[in-house]
Amino acid sequence: AIALLGNTLATGAILAVLIAMLGPISGAHFNPAV
């Protein structure tokens, strides 16, 4: 549970940063489903 929590917090944080930083350039998909 603690391991999953650490993985969760890091992933959510990096997504917010990357989308804010790169969204205006490419739309920040990073995901074939998107």
Full PDB file with SEQRES, HELIX, SHEET, SSBOND, CRYST1, ORIGX, SCALE, CONECT and MASTER records, all heavy atoms in Angstrom:
SEQRES   1 A   34  ALA ILE ALA LEU LEU GLY ASN THR LEU ALA THR GLY ALA          
SEQRES   2 A   34  ILE LEU ALA VAL LEU ILE ALA MET LEU GLY PRO ILE SER          
SEQRES   3 A   34  GLY ALA HIS PHE ASN PRO ALA VAL                              
HELIX    1 AA1 ILE A    2  SER A   26  1                                  25    
CRYST1    1.000    1.000    1.000  90.00  90.00  90.00 P 1           1          
ORIGX1      1.000000  0.000000  0.000000        0.00000                         
ORIGX2      0.000000  1.000000  0.000000        0.00000                         
ORIGX3      0.000000  0.000000  1.000000        0.00000                         
SCALE1      1.000000  0.000000  0.000000        0.00000                         
SCALE2      0.000000  1.000000  0.000000        0.00000                         
SCALE3      0.000000  0.000000  1.000000        0.00000                         
ATOM      1  N   ALA A   1       0.830  -1.208   0.000  1.00  0.00           N  
ATOM      2  CA  ALA A   1       0.000   0.000   0.000  1.00  0.00           C  
ATOM      3  C   ALA A   1       0.865   1.258   0.000  1.00  0.00           C  
ATOM      4  O   ALA A   1       0.588   2.217  -0.734  1.00  0.00           O  
ATOM      5  CB  ALA A   1      -0.938   0.002   1.210  1.00  0.00           C  
ATOM      6  N   ILE A   2       1.922   1.259   0.798  1.00  0.00           N  
ATOM      7  CA  ILE A   2       2.824   2.406   0.843  1.00  0.00           C  
ATOM      8  C   ILE A   2       3.559   2.554  -0.487  1.00  0.00           C  
ATOM      9  O   ILE A   2       3.734   3.666  -1.005  1.00  0.00           O  
ATOM     10  CB  ILE A   2       3.829   2.267   1.994  1.00  0.00           C  
ATOM     11  CG1 ILE A   2       3.095   2.297   3.350  1.00  0.00           C  
ATOM     12  CG2 ILE A   2       4.876   3.380   1.942  1.00  0.00           C  
ATOM     13  CD1 ILE A   2       2.361   3.582   3.632  1.00  0.00           C  
ATOM     14  N   ALA A   3       3.958   1.435  -1.068  1.00  0.00           N  
ATOM     15  CA  ALA A   3       4.641   1.483  -2.360  1.00  0.00           C  
ATOM     16  C   ALA A   3       3.720   2.059  -3.438  1.00  0.00           C  
ATOM     17  O   ALA A   3       4.132   2.892  -4.242  1.00  0.00           O  
ATOM     18  CB  ALA A   3       5.113   0.086  -2.753  1.00  0.00           C  
ATOM     19  N   LEU A   4       2.472   1.620  -3.446  1.00  0.00           N  
ATOM     20  CA  LEU A   4       1.520   2.132  -4.431  1.00  0.00           C  
ATOM     21  C   LEU A   4       1.260   3.620  -4.219  1.00  0.00           C  
ATOM     22  O   LEU A   4       1.136   4.376  -5.185  1.00  0.00           O  
ATOM     23  CB  LEU A   4       0.211   1.357  -4.356  1.00  0.00           C  
ATOM     24  CG  LEU A   4      -0.871   1.770  -5.368  1.00  0.00           C  
ATOM     25  CD1 LEU A   4      -0.365   1.577  -6.796  1.00  0.00           C  
ATOM     26  CD2 LEU A   4      -2.149   0.985  -5.135  1.00  0.00           C  
ATOM     27  N   LEU A   5       1.214   4.048  -2.961  1.00  0.00           N  
ATOM     28  CA  LEU A   5       0.999   5.462  -2.669  1.00  0.00           C  
ATOM     29  C   LEU A   5       2.145   6.307  -3.225  1.00  0.00           C  
ATOM     30  O   LEU A   5       1.922   7.357  -3.839  1.00  0.00           O  
ATOM     31  CB  LEU A   5       0.863   5.675  -1.162  1.00  0.00           C  
ATOM     32  CG  LEU A   5       0.634   7.122  -0.703  1.00  0.00           C  
ATOM     33  CD1 LEU A   5      -0.660   7.680  -1.294  1.00  0.00           C  
ATOM     34  CD2 LEU A   5       0.611   7.202   0.823  1.00  0.00           C  
ATOM     35  N   GLY A   6       3.384   5.848  -3.024  1.00  0.00           N  
ATOM     36  CA  GLY A   6       4.524   6.576  -3.564  1.00  0.00           C  
ATOM     37  C   GLY A   6       4.487   6.651  -5.072  1.00  0.00           C  
ATOM     38  O   GLY A   6       4.731   7.707  -5.674  1.00  0.00           O  
ATOM     39  N   ASN A   7       4.162   5.541  -5.712  1.00  0.00           N  
ATOM     40  CA  ASN A   7       4.047   5.485  -7.166  1.00  0.00           C  
ATOM     41  C   ASN A   7       2.941   6.421  -7.654  1.00  0.00           C  
ATOM     42  O   ASN A   7       3.092   7.126  -8.654  1.00  0.00           O  
ATOM     43  CB  ASN A   7       3.755   4.034  -7.554  1.00  0.00           C  
ATOM     44  CG  ASN A   7       3.984   3.734  -9.023  1.00  0.00           C  
ATOM     45  OD1 ASN A   7       3.359   2.841  -9.572  1.00  0.00           O  
ATOM     46  ND2 ASN A   7       4.886   4.435  -9.693  1.00  0.00           N  
ATOM     47  N   THR A   8       1.837   6.453  -6.928  1.00  0.00           N  
ATOM     48  CA  THR A   8       0.699   7.299  -7.282  1.00  0.00           C  
ATOM     49  C   THR A   8       1.043   8.779  -7.241  1.00  0.00           C  
ATOM     50  O   THR A   8       0.781   9.526  -8.191  1.00  0.00           O  
ATOM     51  CB  THR A   8      -0.470   7.038  -6.315  1.00  0.00           C  
ATOM     52  OG1 THR A   8      -0.868   5.675  -6.397  1.00  0.00           O  
ATOM     53  CG2 THR A   8      -1.654   7.940  -6.625  1.00  0.00           C  
ATOM     54  N   LEU A   9       1.619   9.214  -6.134  1.00  0.00           N  
ATOM     55  CA  LEU A   9       1.917  10.636  -5.947  1.00  0.00           C  
ATOM     56  C   LEU A   9       2.893  11.142  -7.007  1.00  0.00           C  
ATOM     57  O   LEU A   9       2.719  12.234  -7.563  1.00  0.00           O  
ATOM     58  CB  LEU A   9       2.480  10.875  -4.546  1.00  0.00           C  
ATOM     59  CG  LEU A   9       1.509  10.627  -3.391  1.00  0.00           C  
ATOM     60  CD1 LEU A   9       2.230  10.756  -2.048  1.00  0.00           C  
ATOM     61  CD2 LEU A   9       0.339  11.586  -3.454  1.00  0.00           C  
ATOM     62  N   ALA A  10       3.903  10.344  -7.304  1.00  0.00           N  
ATOM     63  CA  ALA A  10       4.884  10.755  -8.302  1.00  0.00           C  
ATOM     64  C   ALA A  10       4.257  10.846  -9.690  1.00  0.00           C  
ATOM     65  O   ALA A  10       4.505  11.804 -10.437  1.00  0.00           O  
ATOM     66  CB  ALA A  10       6.053   9.768  -8.314  1.00  0.00           C  
ATOM     67  N   THR A  11       3.427   9.867 -10.041  1.00  0.00           N  
ATOM     68  CA  THR A  11       2.819   9.857 -11.376  1.00  0.00           C  
ATOM     69  C   THR A  11       1.857  11.023 -11.558  1.00  0.00           C  
ATOM     70  O   THR A  11       1.868  11.705 -12.592  1.00  0.00           O  
ATOM     71  CB  THR A  11       2.088   8.526 -11.625  1.00  0.00           C  
ATOM     72  OG1 THR A  11       3.006   7.435 -11.460  1.00  0.00           O  
ATOM     73  CG2 THR A  11       1.495   8.487 -13.020  1.00  0.00           C  
ATOM     74  N   GLY A  12       1.000  11.263 -10.569  1.00  0.00           N  
ATOM     75  CA  GLY A  12       0.066  12.384 -10.660  1.00  0.00           C  
ATOM     76  C   GLY A  12       0.785  13.713 -10.759  1.00  0.00           C  
ATOM     77  O   GLY A  12       0.407  14.593 -11.546  1.00  0.00           O  
ATOM     78  N   ALA A  13       1.866  13.858 -10.000  1.00  0.00           N  
ATOM     79  CA  ALA A  13       2.616  15.115 -10.005  1.00  0.00           C  
ATOM     80  C   ALA A  13       3.296  15.349 -11.353  1.00  0.00           C  
ATOM     81  O   ALA A  13       3.224  16.448 -11.916  1.00  0.00           O  
ATOM     82  CB  ALA A  13       3.646  15.107  -8.878  1.00  0.00           C  
ATOM     83  N   ILE A  14       3.957  14.320 -11.888  1.00  0.00           N  
ATOM     84  CA  ILE A  14       4.674  14.515 -13.153  1.00  0.00           C  
ATOM     85  C   ILE A  14       3.707  14.782 -14.294  1.00  0.00           C  
ATOM     86  O   ILE A  14       4.008  15.564 -15.204  1.00  0.00           O  
ATOM     87  CB  ILE A  14       5.584  13.307 -13.469  1.00  0.00           C  
ATOM     88  CG1 ILE A  14       6.648  13.683 -14.502  1.00  0.00           C  
ATOM     89  CG2 ILE A  14       4.792  12.119 -13.976  1.00  0.00           C  
ATOM     90  CD1 ILE A  14       7.697  14.638 -14.009  1.00  0.00           C  
ATOM     91  N   LEU A  15       2.529  14.167 -14.258  1.00  0.00           N  
ATOM     92  CA  LEU A  15       1.541  14.433 -15.302  1.00  0.00           C  
ATOM     93  C   LEU A  15       1.133  15.903 -15.319  1.00  0.00           C  
ATOM     94  O   LEU A  15       1.061  16.528 -16.377  1.00  0.00           O  
ATOM     95  CB  LEU A  15       0.312  13.546 -15.098  1.00  0.00           C  
ATOM     96  CG  LEU A  15       0.320  12.197 -15.806  1.00  0.00           C  
ATOM     97  CD1 LEU A  15      -0.848  11.337 -15.317  1.00  0.00           C  
ATOM     98  CD2 LEU A  15       0.257  12.370 -17.316  1.00  0.00           C  
ATOM     99  N   ALA A  16       0.856  16.453 -14.143  1.00  0.00           N  
ATOM    100  CA  ALA A  16       0.451  17.856 -14.071  1.00  0.00           C  
ATOM    101  C   ALA A  16       1.547  18.771 -14.602  1.00  0.00           C  
ATOM    102  O   ALA A  16       1.284  19.716 -15.365  1.00  0.00           O  
ATOM    103  CB  ALA A  16       0.102  18.227 -12.624  1.00  0.00           C  
ATOM    104  N   VAL A  17       2.782  18.481 -14.241  1.00  0.00           N  
ATOM    105  CA  VAL A  17       3.908  19.312 -14.693  1.00  0.00           C  
ATOM    106  C   VAL A  17       4.098  19.210 -16.204  1.00  0.00           C  
ATOM    107  O   VAL A  17       4.227  20.223 -16.905  1.00  0.00           O  
ATOM    108  CB  VAL A  17       5.201  18.887 -13.965  1.00  0.00           C  
ATOM    109  CG1 VAL A  17       6.419  19.579 -14.589  1.00  0.00           C  
ATOM    110  CG2 VAL A  17       5.111  19.219 -12.485  1.00  0.00           C  
ATOM    111  N   LEU A  18       4.105  17.993 -16.721  1.00  0.00           N  
ATOM    112  CA  LEU A  18       4.361  17.794 -18.149  1.00  0.00           C  
ATOM    113  C   LEU A  18       3.270  18.401 -19.019  1.00  0.00           C  
ATOM    114  O   LEU A  18       3.542  18.979 -20.070  1.00  0.00           O  
ATOM    115  CB  LEU A  18       4.510  16.302 -18.453  1.00  0.00           C  
ATOM    116  CG  LEU A  18       5.749  15.621 -17.858  1.00  0.00           C  
ATOM    117  CD1 LEU A  18       5.685  14.124 -18.095  1.00  0.00           C  
ATOM    118  CD2 LEU A  18       7.035  16.208 -18.444  1.00  0.00           C  
ATOM    119  N   ILE A  19       2.014  18.272 -18.596  1.00  0.00           N  
ATOM    120  CA  ILE A  19       0.907  18.835 -19.372  1.00  0.00           C  
ATOM    121  C   ILE A  19       0.966  20.357 -19.363  1.00  0.00           C  
ATOM    122  O   ILE A  19       0.756  21.014 -20.388  1.00  0.00           O  
ATOM    123  CB  ILE A  19      -0.447  18.322 -18.847  1.00  0.00           C  
ATOM    124  CG1 ILE A  19      -0.559  16.814 -19.096  1.00  0.00           C  
ATOM    125  CG2 ILE A  19      -1.606  19.043 -19.538  1.00  0.00           C  
ATOM    126  CD1 ILE A  19      -1.743  16.171 -18.400  1.00  0.00           C  
ATOM    127  N   ALA A  20       1.265  20.936 -18.192  1.00  0.00           N  
ATOM    128  CA  ALA A  20       1.381  22.389 -18.117  1.00  0.00           C  
ATOM    129  C   ALA A  20       2.528  22.898 -18.975  1.00  0.00           C  
ATOM    130  O   ALA A  20       2.422  23.943 -19.628  1.00  0.00           O  
ATOM    131  CB  ALA A  20       1.576  22.814 -16.661  1.00  0.00           C  
ATOM    132  N   MET A  21       3.614  22.154 -19.009  1.00  0.00           N  
ATOM    133  CA  MET A  21       4.819  22.592 -19.714  1.00  0.00           C  
ATOM    134  C   MET A  21       4.740  22.360 -21.220  1.00  0.00           C  
ATOM    135  O   MET A  21       5.153  23.218 -22.013  1.00  0.00           O  
ATOM    136  CB  MET A  21       6.035  21.848 -19.140  1.00  0.00           C  
ATOM    137  CG  MET A  21       7.347  22.144 -19.827  1.00  0.00           C  
ATOM    138  SD  MET A  21       8.769  21.391 -18.998  1.00  0.00           S  
ATOM    139  CE  MET A  21       8.422  19.653 -19.209  1.00  0.00           C  
ATOM    140  N   LEU A  22       4.188  21.219 -21.633  1.00  0.00           N  
ATOM    141  CA  LEU A  22       4.242  20.818 -23.034  1.00  0.00           C  
ATOM    142  C   LEU A  22       2.899  20.872 -23.753  1.00  0.00           C  
ATOM    143  O   LEU A  22       2.849  20.775 -24.979  1.00  0.00           O  
ATOM    144  CB  LEU A  22       4.819  19.396 -23.142  1.00  0.00           C  
ATOM    145  CG  LEU A  22       6.242  19.236 -22.583  1.00  0.00           C  
ATOM    146  CD1 LEU A  22       6.637  17.772 -22.552  1.00  0.00           C  
ATOM    147  CD2 LEU A  22       7.238  20.040 -23.400  1.00  0.00           C  
ATOM    148  N   GLY A  23       1.825  21.059 -23.001  1.00  0.00           N  
ATOM    149  CA  GLY A  23       0.502  21.126 -23.607  1.00  0.00           C  
ATOM    150  C   GLY A  23       0.376  22.178 -24.694  1.00  0.00           C  
ATOM    151  O   GLY A  23      -0.187  21.907 -25.761  1.00  0.00           O  
ATOM    152  N   PRO A  24       0.902  23.382 -24.489  1.00  0.00           N  
ATOM    153  CA  PRO A  24       0.782  24.409 -25.537  1.00  0.00           C  
ATOM    154  C   PRO A  24       1.533  24.074 -26.826  1.00  0.00           C  
ATOM    155  O   PRO A  24       1.276  24.679 -27.856  1.00  0.00           O  
ATOM    156  CB  PRO A  24       1.388  25.648 -24.858  1.00  0.00           C  
ATOM    157  CG  PRO A  24       1.223  25.412 -23.401  1.00  0.00           C  
ATOM    158  CD  PRO A  24       1.427  23.938 -23.224  1.00  0.00           C  
ATOM    159  N   ILE A  25       2.452  23.117 -26.766  1.00  0.00           N  
ATOM    160  CA  ILE A  25       3.230  22.765 -27.963  1.00  0.00           C  
ATOM    161  C   ILE A  25       2.578  21.615 -28.731  1.00  0.00           C  
ATOM    162  O   ILE A  25       2.323  21.724 -29.929  1.00  0.00           O  
ATOM    163  CB  ILE A  25       4.677  22.402 -27.576  1.00  0.00           C  
ATOM    164  CG1 ILE A  25       5.352  23.574 -26.863  1.00  0.00           C  
ATOM    165  CG2 ILE A  25       5.473  21.996 -28.815  1.00  0.00           C  
ATOM    166  CD1 ILE A  25       6.717  23.256 -26.303  1.00  0.00           C  
ATOM    167  N   SER A  26       2.318  20.498 -28.042  1.00  0.00           N  
ATOM    168  CA  SER A  26       1.834  19.313 -28.749  1.00  0.00           C  
ATOM    169  C   SER A  26       0.437  18.876 -28.329  1.00  0.00           C  
ATOM    170  O   SER A  26      -0.133  17.975 -28.936  1.00  0.00           O  
ATOM    171  CB  SER A  26       2.794  18.144 -28.508  1.00  0.00           C  
ATOM    172  OG  SER A  26       2.720  17.708 -27.150  1.00  0.00           O  
ATOM    173  N   GLY A  27      -0.097  19.517 -27.291  1.00  0.00           N  
ATOM    174  CA  GLY A  27      -1.343  19.036 -26.714  1.00  0.00           C  
ATOM    175  C   GLY A  27      -1.106  18.070 -25.578  1.00  0.00           C  
ATOM    176  O   GLY A  27      -2.038  17.686 -24.875  1.00  0.00           O  
ATOM    177  N   ALA A  28       0.155  17.662 -25.390  1.00  0.00           N  
ATOM    178  CA  ALA A  28       0.549  16.798 -24.271  1.00  0.00           C  
ATOM    179  C   ALA A  28      -0.278  15.521 -24.207  1.00  0.00           C  
ATOM    180  O   ALA A  28      -0.891  15.220 -23.198  1.00  0.00           O  
ATOM    181  CB  ALA A  28       0.457  17.568 -22.950  1.00  0.00           C  
ATOM    182  N   HIS A  29      -0.252  14.750 -25.296  1.00  0.00           N  
ATOM    183  CA  HIS A  29      -0.979  13.478 -25.295  1.00  0.00           C  
ATOM    184  C   HIS A  29      -0.257  12.425 -24.456  1.00  0.00           C  
ATOM    185  O   HIS A  29      -0.834  11.891 -23.510  1.00  0.00           O  
ATOM    186  CB  HIS A  29      -1.126  12.966 -26.728  1.00  0.00           C  
ATOM    187  CG  HIS A  29      -1.948  13.839 -27.604  1.00  0.00           C  
ATOM    188  ND1 HIS A  29      -2.333  13.462 -28.879  1.00  0.00           N  
ATOM    189  CD2 HIS A  29      -2.460  15.079 -27.440  1.00  0.00           C  
ATOM    190  CE1 HIS A  29      -3.054  14.410 -29.439  1.00  0.00           C  
ATOM    191  NE2 HIS A  29      -3.124  15.423 -28.582  1.00  0.00           N  
ATOM    192  N   PHE A  30       0.956  12.089 -24.864  1.00  0.00           N  
ATOM    193  CA  PHE A  30       1.784  11.070 -24.203  1.00  0.00           C  
ATOM    194  C   PHE A  30       1.071   9.721 -24.111  1.00  0.00           C  
ATOM    195  O   PHE A  30       1.427   8.894 -23.265  1.00  0.00           O  
ATOM    196  CB  PHE A  30       2.205  11.510 -22.786  1.00  0.00           C  
ATOM    197  CG  PHE A  30       2.616  12.938 -22.651  1.00  0.00           C  
ATOM    198  CD1 PHE A  30       2.225  13.675 -21.539  1.00  0.00           C  
ATOM    199  CD2 PHE A  30       3.384  13.570 -23.626  1.00  0.00           C  
ATOM    200  CE1 PHE A  30       2.597  15.002 -21.405  1.00  0.00           C  
ATOM    201  CE2 PHE A  30       3.754  14.901 -23.496  1.00  0.00           C  
ATOM    202  CZ  PHE A  30       3.356  15.616 -22.381  1.00  0.00           C  
ATOM    203  N   ASN A  31       0.076   9.493 -24.940  1.00  0.00           N  
ATOM    204  CA  ASN A  31      -0.825   8.363 -24.748  1.00  0.00           C  
ATOM    205  C   ASN A  31      -1.576   8.097 -26.055  1.00  0.00           C  
ATOM    206  O   ASN A  31      -2.321   8.963 -26.524  1.00  0.00           O  
ATOM    207  CB  ASN A  31      -1.809   8.732 -23.620  1.00  0.00           C  
ATOM    208  CG  ASN A  31      -2.764   7.611 -23.263  1.00  0.00           C  
ATOM    209  OD1 ASN A  31      -3.028   6.698 -24.052  1.00  0.00           O  
ATOM    210  ND2 ASN A  31      -3.320   7.685 -22.070  1.00  0.00           N  
ATOM    211  N   PRO A  32      -1.419   6.928 -26.677  1.00  0.00           N  
ATOM    212  CA  PRO A  32      -2.137   6.631 -27.922  1.00  0.00           C  
ATOM    213  C   PRO A  32      -3.651   6.695 -27.792  1.00  0.00           C  
ATOM    214  O   PRO A  32      -4.341   7.007 -28.769  1.00  0.00           O  
ATOM    215  CB  PRO A  32      -1.676   5.207 -28.259  1.00  0.00           C  
ATOM    216  CG  PRO A  32      -0.329   5.088 -27.612  1.00  0.00           C  
ATOM    217  CD  PRO A  32      -0.457   5.859 -26.330  1.00  0.00           C  
ATOM    218  N   ALA A  33      -4.186   6.395 -26.607  1.00  0.00           N  
ATOM    219  CA  ALA A  33      -5.635   6.479 -26.429  1.00  0.00           C  
ATOM    220  C   ALA A  33      -6.114   7.925 -26.518  1.00  0.00           C  
ATOM    221  O   ALA A  33      -7.179   8.211 -27.082  1.00  0.00           O  
ATOM    222  CB  ALA A  33      -6.038   5.878 -25.078  1.00  0.00           C  
ATOM    223  N   VAL A  34      -5.333   8.845 -25.991  1.00  0.00           N  
ATOM    224  CA  VAL A  34      -5.661  10.270 -26.085  1.00  0.00           C  
ATOM    225  C   VAL A  34      -5.507  10.739 -27.528  1.00  0.00           C  
ATOM    226  O   VAL A  34      -6.349  11.484 -28.054  1.00  0.00           O  
ATOM    227  CB  VAL A  34      -4.771  11.094 -25.139  1.00  0.00           C  
ATOM    228  CG1 VAL A  34      -5.024  12.586 -25.330  1.00  0.00           C  
ATOM    229  CG2 VAL A  34      -5.021  10.686 -23.689  1.00  0.00           C  
TER     230      VAL A  34                                                      
MASTER        0    0    0    1    0    0    0    6  229    1    0    3          
END                                                                             
